[in-house]
N, C-alpha and C. Protein backbone atom coordinates (compact mmCIF):
# COMPACT_ATOMS: atom_id res chain seq x y z
N UNK A 1 12.44 7.60 0.98
CA UNK A 1 11.65 7.88 2.17
C UNK A 1 11.03 9.26 2.03
N UNK A 2 9.81 9.38 2.50
CA UNK A 2 9.11 10.67 2.46
C UNK A 2 9.88 11.70 3.27
N UNK A 3 9.79 12.94 2.84
CA UNK A 3 10.48 14.03 3.53
C UNK A 3 10.04 14.12 4.99
N UNK A 4 11.01 14.20 5.87
CA UNK A 4 10.73 14.38 7.28
C UNK A 4 10.30 13.14 8.03
N UNK A 5 10.27 11.98 7.37
CA UNK A 5 9.84 10.74 8.02
C UNK A 5 11.07 9.96 8.48
N UNK A 6 11.04 9.52 9.71
CA UNK A 6 12.09 8.65 10.25
C UNK A 6 11.43 7.35 10.70
N UNK A 7 11.79 6.25 10.06
CA UNK A 7 11.29 4.94 10.49
C UNK A 7 12.36 4.33 11.38
N UNK A 8 11.97 4.01 12.60
CA UNK A 8 12.94 3.51 13.57
C UNK A 8 12.27 2.69 14.66
N UNK A 9 13.10 2.05 15.45
CA UNK A 9 12.62 1.29 16.60
C UNK A 9 11.94 2.23 17.58
N UNK A 10 10.84 1.75 18.15
CA UNK A 10 10.13 2.51 19.19
C UNK A 10 10.66 2.02 20.53
N UNK A 11 11.15 2.94 21.33
CA UNK A 11 11.70 2.59 22.63
C UNK A 11 10.92 3.21 23.77
N UNK A 12 11.32 2.93 25.00
CA UNK A 12 10.61 3.48 26.17
C UNK A 12 10.45 4.99 26.14
N UNK A 13 11.41 5.71 25.58
CA UNK A 13 11.33 7.17 25.50
C UNK A 13 10.26 7.67 24.55
N UNK A 14 9.74 6.78 23.71
CA UNK A 14 8.69 7.14 22.76
C UNK A 14 7.30 6.79 23.27
N UNK A 15 7.19 6.39 24.52
CA UNK A 15 5.93 5.85 25.05
C UNK A 15 4.74 6.78 24.84
N UNK A 16 4.89 8.07 25.10
CA UNK A 16 3.75 8.98 25.00
C UNK A 16 3.26 9.09 23.54
N UNK A 17 4.18 9.23 22.59
CA UNK A 17 3.80 9.35 21.18
C UNK A 17 3.20 8.04 20.66
N UNK A 18 3.79 6.92 21.07
CA UNK A 18 3.32 5.61 20.65
C UNK A 18 1.95 5.31 21.27
N UNK A 19 1.76 5.72 22.52
CA UNK A 19 0.48 5.53 23.20
C UNK A 19 -0.63 6.29 22.47
N UNK A 20 -0.36 7.50 22.05
CA UNK A 20 -1.37 8.28 21.33
C UNK A 20 -1.80 7.56 20.06
N UNK A 21 -0.86 6.98 19.33
CA UNK A 21 -1.20 6.23 18.12
C UNK A 21 -2.02 4.98 18.46
N UNK A 22 -1.60 4.23 19.45
CA UNK A 22 -2.33 3.00 19.81
C UNK A 22 -3.74 3.32 20.30
N UNK A 23 -3.90 4.38 21.06
CA UNK A 23 -5.24 4.76 21.52
C UNK A 23 -6.11 5.19 20.35
N UNK A 24 -5.53 5.89 19.38
CA UNK A 24 -6.29 6.29 18.19
C UNK A 24 -6.75 5.05 17.42
N UNK A 25 -5.89 4.05 17.32
CA UNK A 25 -6.27 2.83 16.58
C UNK A 25 -7.42 2.12 17.28
N UNK A 26 -7.40 2.08 18.58
CA UNK A 26 -8.46 1.40 19.33
C UNK A 26 -9.78 2.16 19.21
N UNK A 27 -9.72 3.49 19.20
CA UNK A 27 -10.94 4.29 19.02
C UNK A 27 -11.51 4.15 17.62
N UNK A 28 -10.64 4.22 16.62
CA UNK A 28 -11.10 4.20 15.23
C UNK A 28 -11.58 2.84 14.78
N UNK A 29 -10.84 1.80 15.12
CA UNK A 29 -11.15 0.49 14.54
C UNK A 29 -10.86 -0.63 15.53
N UNK A 30 -11.66 -0.75 16.59
CA UNK A 30 -11.39 -1.78 17.59
C UNK A 30 -11.41 -3.20 17.00
N UNK A 31 -12.14 -3.39 15.91
CA UNK A 31 -12.20 -4.72 15.29
C UNK A 31 -10.92 -5.06 14.53
N UNK A 32 -10.03 -4.09 14.37
CA UNK A 32 -8.76 -4.34 13.69
C UNK A 32 -7.60 -4.46 14.67
N UNK A 33 -7.85 -4.22 15.94
CA UNK A 33 -6.79 -4.17 16.94
C UNK A 33 -6.69 -5.51 17.66
N UNK A 34 -5.52 -6.11 17.57
CA UNK A 34 -5.27 -7.39 18.22
C UNK A 34 -4.91 -7.22 19.69
N UNK A 35 -4.70 -8.33 20.39
CA UNK A 35 -4.50 -8.28 21.84
C UNK A 35 -3.27 -7.51 22.30
N UNK A 36 -2.14 -7.63 21.61
CA UNK A 36 -0.95 -6.89 22.06
C UNK A 36 -1.14 -5.39 21.89
N UNK A 37 -1.65 -4.98 20.73
CA UNK A 37 -1.87 -3.55 20.48
C UNK A 37 -2.93 -3.00 21.43
N UNK A 38 -3.94 -3.81 21.74
CA UNK A 38 -4.97 -3.37 22.69
C UNK A 38 -4.36 -3.21 24.09
N UNK A 39 -3.47 -4.12 24.47
CA UNK A 39 -2.79 -4.00 25.77
C UNK A 39 -2.00 -2.70 25.81
N UNK A 40 -1.33 -2.37 24.72
CA UNK A 40 -0.58 -1.12 24.67
C UNK A 40 -1.51 0.09 24.78
N UNK A 41 -2.61 0.06 24.05
CA UNK A 41 -3.54 1.19 24.03
C UNK A 41 -4.19 1.44 25.38
N UNK A 42 -4.32 0.41 26.18
CA UNK A 42 -4.99 0.55 27.48
C UNK A 42 -4.01 0.88 28.62
N UNK A 43 -2.73 0.94 28.29
CA UNK A 43 -1.72 1.27 29.29
C UNK A 43 -1.64 2.79 29.47
N UNK A 44 -0.91 3.22 30.49
CA UNK A 44 -0.56 4.63 30.59
C UNK A 44 0.88 4.76 30.09
N UNK A 45 1.39 5.97 30.00
CA UNK A 45 2.73 6.18 29.45
C UNK A 45 3.82 5.45 30.22
N UNK A 46 3.71 5.43 31.54
CA UNK A 46 4.73 4.77 32.35
C UNK A 46 4.68 3.26 32.14
N UNK A 47 3.48 2.69 32.15
CA UNK A 47 3.35 1.25 31.93
C UNK A 47 3.79 0.88 30.52
N UNK A 48 3.44 1.71 29.55
CA UNK A 48 3.82 1.41 28.17
C UNK A 48 5.33 1.50 28.00
N UNK A 49 5.98 2.42 28.66
CA UNK A 49 7.44 2.49 28.59
C UNK A 49 8.05 1.19 29.10
N UNK A 50 7.48 0.64 30.16
CA UNK A 50 7.94 -0.63 30.70
C UNK A 50 7.71 -1.78 29.71
N UNK A 51 6.54 -1.78 29.09
CA UNK A 51 6.22 -2.80 28.09
C UNK A 51 7.21 -2.72 26.93
N UNK A 52 7.43 -1.52 26.41
CA UNK A 52 8.36 -1.34 25.31
C UNK A 52 9.78 -1.75 25.68
N UNK A 53 10.17 -1.48 26.92
CA UNK A 53 11.49 -1.88 27.40
C UNK A 53 11.66 -3.37 27.49
N UNK A 54 10.57 -4.10 27.73
CA UNK A 54 10.65 -5.56 27.85
C UNK A 54 10.57 -6.27 26.51
N UNK A 55 10.12 -5.59 25.48
CA UNK A 55 9.91 -6.24 24.20
C UNK A 55 11.14 -6.96 23.64
N UNK A 56 12.30 -6.36 23.61
CA UNK A 56 13.45 -7.07 23.03
C UNK A 56 13.73 -8.42 23.70
N UNK A 57 13.55 -8.51 25.00
CA UNK A 57 13.74 -9.79 25.71
C UNK A 57 12.68 -10.81 25.31
N UNK A 58 11.52 -10.32 24.87
CA UNK A 58 10.42 -11.19 24.47
C UNK A 58 10.44 -11.53 22.98
N UNK A 59 11.46 -11.01 22.24
CA UNK A 59 11.53 -11.26 20.81
C UNK A 59 10.61 -10.36 20.01
N UNK A 60 10.20 -9.24 20.59
CA UNK A 60 9.30 -8.30 19.92
C UNK A 60 10.09 -7.04 19.56
N UNK A 61 9.84 -6.54 18.36
CA UNK A 61 10.48 -5.32 17.87
C UNK A 61 9.38 -4.39 17.36
N UNK A 62 9.18 -3.28 18.05
CA UNK A 62 8.18 -2.29 17.64
C UNK A 62 8.88 -1.21 16.83
N UNK A 63 8.22 -0.78 15.74
CA UNK A 63 8.77 0.24 14.88
C UNK A 63 7.73 1.33 14.66
N UNK A 64 8.21 2.54 14.47
CA UNK A 64 7.32 3.64 14.17
C UNK A 64 7.84 4.48 13.03
N UNK A 65 6.91 5.10 12.32
CA UNK A 65 7.25 6.12 11.33
C UNK A 65 6.96 7.45 12.00
N UNK A 66 8.03 8.18 12.29
CA UNK A 66 7.90 9.42 13.06
C UNK A 66 8.01 10.64 12.14
N UNK A 67 7.12 11.58 12.38
CA UNK A 67 7.18 12.90 11.76
C UNK A 67 7.48 13.85 12.91
N UNK A 68 8.72 14.19 13.07
CA UNK A 68 9.12 14.94 14.26
C UNK A 68 8.87 14.07 15.47
N UNK A 69 8.21 14.62 16.50
CA UNK A 69 7.95 13.83 17.70
C UNK A 69 6.72 12.92 17.59
N UNK A 70 5.93 13.09 16.52
CA UNK A 70 4.68 12.34 16.38
C UNK A 70 4.94 10.97 15.75
N UNK A 71 4.39 9.96 16.38
CA UNK A 71 4.41 8.61 15.80
C UNK A 71 3.18 8.51 14.90
N UNK A 72 3.41 8.62 13.58
CA UNK A 72 2.32 8.67 12.60
C UNK A 72 1.87 7.30 12.14
N UNK A 73 2.73 6.31 12.30
CA UNK A 73 2.41 4.93 11.91
C UNK A 73 3.26 4.00 12.76
N UNK A 74 2.76 2.79 12.98
CA UNK A 74 3.51 1.83 13.78
C UNK A 74 3.13 0.42 13.39
N UNK A 75 4.04 -0.50 13.69
CA UNK A 75 3.81 -1.94 13.54
C UNK A 75 4.89 -2.64 14.34
N UNK A 76 4.70 -3.92 14.55
CA UNK A 76 5.68 -4.68 15.34
C UNK A 76 5.89 -6.05 14.73
N UNK A 77 7.02 -6.63 15.06
CA UNK A 77 7.36 -7.99 14.67
C UNK A 77 7.64 -8.79 15.93
N UNK A 78 7.18 -10.03 15.94
CA UNK A 78 7.45 -10.92 17.07
C UNK A 78 8.05 -12.21 16.53
N UNK A 79 9.08 -12.68 17.21
CA UNK A 79 9.73 -13.93 16.84
C UNK A 79 9.66 -14.87 18.02
N UNK A 80 9.06 -16.04 17.82
CA UNK A 80 8.97 -16.99 18.92
C UNK A 80 10.34 -17.42 19.42
N UNK A 81 10.45 -17.64 20.72
CA UNK A 81 11.71 -18.08 21.30
C UNK A 81 11.94 -19.57 21.05
N UNK A 82 10.88 -20.34 20.93
CA UNK A 82 11.00 -21.78 20.71
C UNK A 82 11.71 -22.05 19.39
N UNK A 83 12.77 -22.82 19.42
CA UNK A 83 13.58 -23.08 18.23
C UNK A 83 12.77 -23.68 17.09
N UNK A 84 11.72 -24.42 17.40
CA UNK A 84 10.90 -25.05 16.36
C UNK A 84 10.12 -24.01 15.54
N UNK A 85 9.92 -22.83 16.10
CA UNK A 85 9.13 -21.80 15.44
C UNK A 85 9.92 -20.53 15.15
N UNK A 86 11.19 -20.52 15.49
CA UNK A 86 11.99 -19.30 15.35
C UNK A 86 12.37 -18.98 13.91
N UNK A 87 11.95 -19.80 12.96
CA UNK A 87 12.22 -19.53 11.54
C UNK A 87 11.21 -18.54 10.95
N UNK A 88 10.27 -18.09 11.77
CA UNK A 88 9.28 -17.14 11.26
C UNK A 88 9.07 -16.00 12.25
N UNK A 89 8.62 -14.90 11.70
CA UNK A 89 8.27 -13.74 12.51
C UNK A 89 6.82 -13.40 12.18
N UNK A 90 6.13 -12.83 13.16
CA UNK A 90 4.73 -12.45 13.01
C UNK A 90 4.62 -10.93 13.04
N UNK A 91 4.02 -10.36 12.03
CA UNK A 91 3.80 -8.92 11.95
C UNK A 91 2.46 -8.61 12.58
N UNK A 92 2.42 -7.64 13.46
CA UNK A 92 1.16 -7.27 14.11
C UNK A 92 1.11 -5.76 14.38
N UNK A 93 -0.10 -5.28 14.60
CA UNK A 93 -0.29 -3.90 15.05
C UNK A 93 -0.04 -2.83 14.01
N UNK A 94 -0.10 -3.17 12.73
CA UNK A 94 0.14 -2.17 11.67
C UNK A 94 -1.00 -1.14 11.69
N UNK A 95 -0.63 0.13 11.80
CA UNK A 95 -1.64 1.19 11.85
C UNK A 95 -1.00 2.51 11.42
N UNK A 96 -1.74 3.26 10.61
CA UNK A 96 -1.34 4.60 10.19
C UNK A 96 -2.44 5.56 10.64
N UNK A 97 -2.05 6.62 11.33
CA UNK A 97 -3.04 7.61 11.75
C UNK A 97 -3.79 8.16 10.53
N UNK A 98 -5.10 8.34 10.64
CA UNK A 98 -5.89 8.81 9.49
C UNK A 98 -5.34 10.08 8.84
N UNK A 99 -4.84 11.02 9.62
CA UNK A 99 -4.33 12.28 9.06
C UNK A 99 -3.11 12.09 8.17
N UNK A 100 -2.47 10.92 8.27
CA UNK A 100 -1.24 10.68 7.51
C UNK A 100 -1.39 9.61 6.44
N UNK A 101 -2.60 9.16 6.22
CA UNK A 101 -2.82 8.15 5.19
C UNK A 101 -2.66 8.77 3.81
N UNK A 102 -2.28 7.95 2.84
CA UNK A 102 -2.09 8.43 1.47
C UNK A 102 -0.74 9.09 1.24
N UNK A 103 0.16 8.99 2.21
CA UNK A 103 1.49 9.60 2.10
C UNK A 103 2.59 8.54 2.02
N UNK A 104 2.21 7.28 1.82
CA UNK A 104 3.14 6.15 1.68
C UNK A 104 3.84 5.77 2.98
N UNK A 105 3.34 6.24 4.12
CA UNK A 105 3.96 5.87 5.39
C UNK A 105 3.85 4.37 5.65
N UNK A 106 2.69 3.80 5.30
CA UNK A 106 2.51 2.36 5.48
C UNK A 106 3.51 1.58 4.64
N UNK A 107 3.74 2.02 3.42
CA UNK A 107 4.71 1.34 2.56
C UNK A 107 6.11 1.46 3.12
N UNK A 108 6.48 2.64 3.57
CA UNK A 108 7.82 2.84 4.13
C UNK A 108 8.02 1.99 5.39
N UNK A 109 7.01 1.97 6.23
CA UNK A 109 7.10 1.18 7.45
C UNK A 109 7.19 -0.31 7.12
N UNK A 110 6.34 -0.77 6.21
CA UNK A 110 6.35 -2.19 5.85
C UNK A 110 7.67 -2.57 5.18
N UNK A 111 8.22 -1.71 4.34
CA UNK A 111 9.52 -1.98 3.73
C UNK A 111 10.59 -2.15 4.80
N UNK A 112 10.53 -1.30 5.82
CA UNK A 112 11.49 -1.39 6.93
C UNK A 112 11.33 -2.72 7.68
N UNK A 113 10.09 -3.09 7.95
CA UNK A 113 9.82 -4.33 8.67
C UNK A 113 10.30 -5.55 7.88
N UNK A 114 10.00 -5.58 6.60
CA UNK A 114 10.43 -6.70 5.76
C UNK A 114 11.97 -6.76 5.71
N UNK A 115 12.61 -5.62 5.57
CA UNK A 115 14.07 -5.58 5.58
C UNK A 115 14.64 -6.06 6.90
N UNK A 116 14.03 -5.66 8.00
CA UNK A 116 14.47 -6.11 9.32
C UNK A 116 14.35 -7.62 9.43
N UNK A 117 13.19 -8.16 9.03
CA UNK A 117 12.97 -9.61 9.11
C UNK A 117 13.99 -10.36 8.25
N UNK A 118 14.26 -9.86 7.05
CA UNK A 118 15.25 -10.50 6.16
C UNK A 118 16.63 -10.52 6.81
N UNK A 119 16.92 -9.53 7.62
CA UNK A 119 18.23 -9.43 8.26
C UNK A 119 18.39 -10.30 9.50
N UNK A 120 17.35 -10.97 9.93
CA UNK A 120 17.42 -11.81 11.12
C UNK A 120 17.86 -13.22 10.73
N UNK A 121 18.95 -13.67 11.29
CA UNK A 121 19.48 -14.99 10.96
C UNK A 121 18.44 -16.07 11.19
N UNK A 122 18.26 -16.90 10.19
CA UNK A 122 17.37 -18.05 10.31
C UNK A 122 15.90 -17.79 10.04
N UNK A 123 15.51 -16.53 9.86
CA UNK A 123 14.09 -16.23 9.61
C UNK A 123 13.78 -16.47 8.13
N UNK A 124 12.79 -17.33 7.89
CA UNK A 124 12.41 -17.70 6.53
C UNK A 124 11.05 -17.19 6.10
N UNK A 125 10.21 -16.88 7.07
CA UNK A 125 8.84 -16.48 6.76
C UNK A 125 8.42 -15.31 7.64
N UNK A 126 7.61 -14.46 7.02
CA UNK A 126 6.98 -13.37 7.76
C UNK A 126 5.48 -13.59 7.60
N UNK A 127 4.77 -13.72 8.72
CA UNK A 127 3.34 -14.01 8.68
C UNK A 127 2.56 -12.86 9.31
N UNK A 128 1.27 -12.83 8.98
CA UNK A 128 0.38 -11.83 9.57
C UNK A 128 -1.05 -12.31 9.43
N UNK A 129 -1.91 -11.66 10.15
CA UNK A 129 -3.35 -11.87 9.98
C UNK A 129 -4.00 -10.50 9.84
N UNK A 130 -4.96 -10.42 8.92
CA UNK A 130 -5.63 -9.17 8.65
C UNK A 130 -7.12 -9.44 8.54
N UNK A 131 -7.93 -8.55 9.07
CA UNK A 131 -9.38 -8.71 8.97
C UNK A 131 -9.75 -8.76 7.48
N UNK A 132 -10.58 -9.72 7.12
CA UNK A 132 -10.89 -9.94 5.70
C UNK A 132 -11.53 -8.73 5.03
N UNK A 133 -12.13 -7.85 5.80
CA UNK A 133 -12.78 -6.67 5.24
C UNK A 133 -11.83 -5.49 5.05
N UNK A 134 -10.58 -5.62 5.46
CA UNK A 134 -9.62 -4.52 5.39
C UNK A 134 -8.89 -4.54 4.04
N UNK A 135 -9.59 -4.07 3.01
CA UNK A 135 -9.07 -4.13 1.64
C UNK A 135 -7.77 -3.34 1.45
N UNK A 136 -7.66 -2.18 2.08
CA UNK A 136 -6.47 -1.36 1.91
C UNK A 136 -5.23 -2.07 2.46
N UNK A 137 -5.34 -2.67 3.63
CA UNK A 137 -4.21 -3.39 4.22
C UNK A 137 -3.85 -4.61 3.37
N UNK A 138 -4.84 -5.35 2.93
CA UNK A 138 -4.57 -6.54 2.11
C UNK A 138 -3.86 -6.14 0.80
N UNK A 139 -4.26 -5.03 0.21
CA UNK A 139 -3.61 -4.56 -1.02
C UNK A 139 -2.16 -4.17 -0.75
N UNK A 140 -1.91 -3.49 0.36
CA UNK A 140 -0.54 -3.12 0.72
C UNK A 140 0.32 -4.36 0.91
N UNK A 141 -0.18 -5.32 1.66
CA UNK A 141 0.59 -6.54 1.88
C UNK A 141 0.84 -7.27 0.57
N UNK A 142 -0.15 -7.29 -0.31
CA UNK A 142 0.01 -7.92 -1.61
C UNK A 142 1.12 -7.29 -2.44
N UNK A 143 1.25 -5.95 -2.36
CA UNK A 143 2.32 -5.24 -3.09
C UNK A 143 3.70 -5.74 -2.67
N UNK A 144 3.82 -6.19 -1.45
CA UNK A 144 5.10 -6.65 -0.93
C UNK A 144 5.31 -8.15 -1.13
N UNK A 145 4.34 -8.81 -1.75
CA UNK A 145 4.49 -10.23 -2.05
C UNK A 145 3.85 -11.18 -1.06
N UNK A 146 3.14 -10.64 -0.07
CA UNK A 146 2.42 -11.51 0.86
C UNK A 146 1.32 -12.23 0.09
N UNK A 147 1.13 -13.51 0.41
CA UNK A 147 0.06 -14.30 -0.22
C UNK A 147 -0.81 -14.90 0.88
N UNK A 148 -2.05 -15.11 0.54
CA UNK A 148 -3.01 -15.69 1.48
C UNK A 148 -2.82 -17.20 1.52
N UNK A 149 -2.79 -17.75 2.73
CA UNK A 149 -2.71 -19.20 2.85
C UNK A 149 -3.88 -19.77 3.63
N UNK A 150 -4.80 -18.92 4.05
CA UNK A 150 -5.98 -19.43 4.74
C UNK A 150 -6.85 -18.31 5.29
N UNK A 151 -8.03 -18.73 5.72
CA UNK A 151 -8.98 -17.83 6.36
C UNK A 151 -9.35 -18.45 7.70
N UNK A 152 -9.24 -17.67 8.75
CA UNK A 152 -9.70 -18.12 10.06
C UNK A 152 -11.07 -17.50 10.29
N UNK A 153 -12.10 -18.34 10.24
CA UNK A 153 -13.47 -17.88 10.42
C UNK A 153 -13.72 -17.52 11.89
N UNK A 154 -14.46 -16.47 12.09
CA UNK A 154 -14.83 -16.02 13.44
C UNK A 154 -13.61 -15.93 14.35
N UNK A 155 -12.54 -15.36 13.84
CA UNK A 155 -11.29 -15.26 14.59
C UNK A 155 -11.41 -14.31 15.78
N UNK A 156 -12.27 -13.31 15.65
CA UNK A 156 -12.45 -12.34 16.73
C UNK A 156 -13.94 -12.10 16.92
N UNK A 157 -14.33 -11.96 18.17
CA UNK A 157 -15.70 -11.63 18.50
C UNK A 157 -15.67 -10.33 19.28
N UNK A 158 -16.33 -9.30 18.75
CA UNK A 158 -16.32 -7.99 19.37
C UNK A 158 -17.75 -7.46 19.39
N UNK A 159 -18.24 -7.20 20.58
CA UNK A 159 -19.61 -6.70 20.75
C UNK A 159 -20.64 -7.56 20.02
N UNK A 160 -20.45 -8.87 20.11
CA UNK A 160 -21.39 -9.82 19.52
C UNK A 160 -21.24 -10.04 18.03
N UNK A 161 -20.31 -9.33 17.39
CA UNK A 161 -20.09 -9.47 15.95
C UNK A 161 -18.76 -10.18 15.71
N UNK A 162 -18.81 -11.21 14.85
CA UNK A 162 -17.58 -11.95 14.57
C UNK A 162 -16.88 -11.35 13.35
N UNK A 163 -15.56 -11.50 13.35
CA UNK A 163 -14.70 -11.00 12.28
C UNK A 163 -13.78 -12.12 11.85
N UNK A 164 -13.67 -12.30 10.53
CA UNK A 164 -12.78 -13.32 9.98
C UNK A 164 -11.41 -12.71 9.71
N UNK A 165 -10.37 -13.54 9.84
CA UNK A 165 -9.01 -13.11 9.55
C UNK A 165 -8.50 -13.82 8.32
N UNK A 166 -7.82 -13.08 7.48
CA UNK A 166 -7.08 -13.65 6.36
C UNK A 166 -5.66 -13.85 6.84
N UNK A 167 -5.14 -15.05 6.66
CA UNK A 167 -3.79 -15.38 7.08
C UNK A 167 -2.88 -15.23 5.88
N UNK A 168 -1.84 -14.44 6.02
CA UNK A 168 -0.94 -14.14 4.91
C UNK A 168 0.51 -14.42 5.32
N UNK A 169 1.33 -14.70 4.32
CA UNK A 169 2.74 -14.95 4.58
C UNK A 169 3.60 -14.43 3.44
N UNK A 170 4.84 -14.12 3.79
CA UNK A 170 5.83 -13.72 2.82
C UNK A 170 7.02 -14.65 2.96
N UNK A 171 7.39 -15.32 1.86
CA UNK A 171 8.56 -16.18 1.84
C UNK A 171 9.77 -15.25 1.71
N UNK A 172 10.67 -15.30 2.66
CA UNK A 172 11.83 -14.42 2.66
C UNK A 172 12.99 -14.97 1.82
N UNK A 173 12.74 -16.09 1.15
CA UNK A 173 13.71 -16.59 0.18
C UNK A 173 14.92 -17.29 0.75
N UNK A 174 14.75 -17.97 1.85
CA UNK A 174 15.90 -18.71 2.41
C UNK A 174 15.62 -20.18 2.35
């Protein structure tokens, strides 16, 4: 792990730091921000603390890479409650603040997420969707063994411009 970096669960007490990261992601790249992360970015600290507090009951686990009090990178995993779909988890909201890119924070965070998913009883697959134009993210996911299983055309429409998603998965070996 990089010096001074702590990768851990994001809880209600981290709402202000986590909110700053989510708002930065929405400002920098709204076409890369999905609905849950956008909901977080549009909240205030009090509302976001409530959202973060409810996540475990919803099968959502938010993680951050913290440098002191600053949340420099974040991502989340969601596991469906329905038994028919509970064998997989969905990775969403992966983002590293621009000032901290190139320091392997994304790799450390993703390693933590993959390890967490592997540790969940019955989870066999980790899935995600990434904008097809996001080469850096696709390369990172590829390093961890994620493979593409499809393309969702016009998955998102933002300001009249459509964006395609690449659907990726990691077999957790169960």
